[in-house]
Amino acid sequence: MKTDHRDEVVMRLKKKLHQVVHGAFGDNFDKFDRALQQMVAERCNFVPLKEAKVMAEFETWADELLEKLNK
């Protein structure tokens, strides 16, 4: 089964955010903030997708990740 290109982008975002979060925890917040801004900038140049839809999926996943981290 061929993976939808949008799904591939979302999975890459999830993987990258996961790496950023794990690399930043225990470090200062500025490092996390800069890395997140860089990720978003790279993402904006990556594929012309509907930004609102992608951000909604991204925010949902980020909320789920935060819930797991706070347990």
Protein backbone atom coordinates (compact mmCIF):
# COMPACT_ATOMS: atom_id res chain seq x y z
CA MET A 1 0.00 0.00 0.00
CA LYS A 2 1.38 3.38 -0.99
CA THR A 3 1.65 5.92 1.84
CA ASP A 4 -0.05 9.24 1.23
CA HIS A 5 2.58 11.99 0.91
CA ARG A 6 0.82 14.07 3.58
CA ASP A 7 0.97 11.14 6.00
CA GLU A 8 4.69 10.85 5.33
CA VAL A 9 5.16 14.53 6.14
CA VAL A 10 3.18 14.21 9.38
CA MET A 11 5.21 11.17 10.41
CA ARG A 12 8.45 13.04 9.72
CA LEU A 13 7.19 15.95 11.84
CA LYS A 14 6.31 13.59 14.67
CA LYS A 15 9.71 11.91 14.55
CA LYS A 16 11.56 15.21 14.48
CA LEU A 17 9.51 16.71 17.33
CA HIS A 18 10.10 13.56 19.38
CA GLN A 19 13.86 13.96 18.86
CA VAL A 20 13.72 17.67 19.70
CA VAL A 21 11.72 17.12 22.89
CA HIS A 22 14.01 14.36 24.13
CA GLY A 23 17.09 16.41 23.25
CA ALA A 24 15.75 19.51 25.00
CA PHE A 25 14.32 18.17 28.26
CA GLY A 26 16.79 18.74 31.03
CA ASP A 27 18.24 21.58 29.00
CA ASN A 28 17.08 25.16 28.83
CA PHE A 29 13.81 26.11 27.16
CA ASP A 30 15.50 28.50 24.71
CA LYS A 31 17.22 25.55 23.04
CA PHE A 32 13.88 23.78 22.63
CA ASP A 33 12.21 26.95 21.34
CA ARG A 34 14.92 27.59 18.74
CA ALA A 35 14.83 23.97 17.58
CA LEU A 36 11.05 24.05 17.27
CA GLN A 37 11.15 27.30 15.29
CA GLN A 38 13.77 25.80 12.98
CA MET A 39 11.63 22.68 12.50
CA VAL A 40 8.61 24.80 11.57
CA ALA A 41 10.69 26.88 9.15
CA GLU A 42 12.02 23.73 7.49
CA ARG A 43 8.53 22.28 7.33
CA CYS A 44 7.14 25.40 5.64
CA ASN A 45 9.64 24.97 2.82
CA PHE A 46 9.17 21.20 2.63
CA VAL A 47 5.79 20.67 0.95
CA PRO A 48 2.94 22.99 -0.08
CA LEU A 49 0.23 21.50 2.13
CA LYS A 50 -2.77 23.16 3.70
CA GLU A 51 -1.07 24.64 6.74
CA ALA A 52 -4.14 24.75 9.00
CA LYS A 53 -4.85 21.05 8.49
CA VAL A 54 -1.25 20.03 9.12
CA MET A 55 -0.95 22.28 12.17
CA ALA A 56 -4.17 20.86 13.62
CA GLU A 57 -2.80 17.32 13.32
CA PHE A 58 0.57 18.45 14.69
CA GLU A 59 -1.01 20.22 17.68
CA THR A 60 -3.15 17.18 18.48
CA TRP A 61 -0.10 14.93 18.45
CA ALA A 62 1.92 17.42 20.52
CA ASP A 63 -0.88 17.52 23.13
CA GLU A 64 -0.85 13.72 23.29
CA LEU A 65 2.92 13.74 23.74
CA LEU A 66 2.68 16.31 26.55
CA GLU A 67 0.03 14.21 28.32
CA LYS A 68 2.36 11.20 28.21
CA LEU A 69 5.29 13.27 29.47
CA ASN A 70 3.23 14.62 32.37
CA LYS A 71 2.15 11.17 33.61
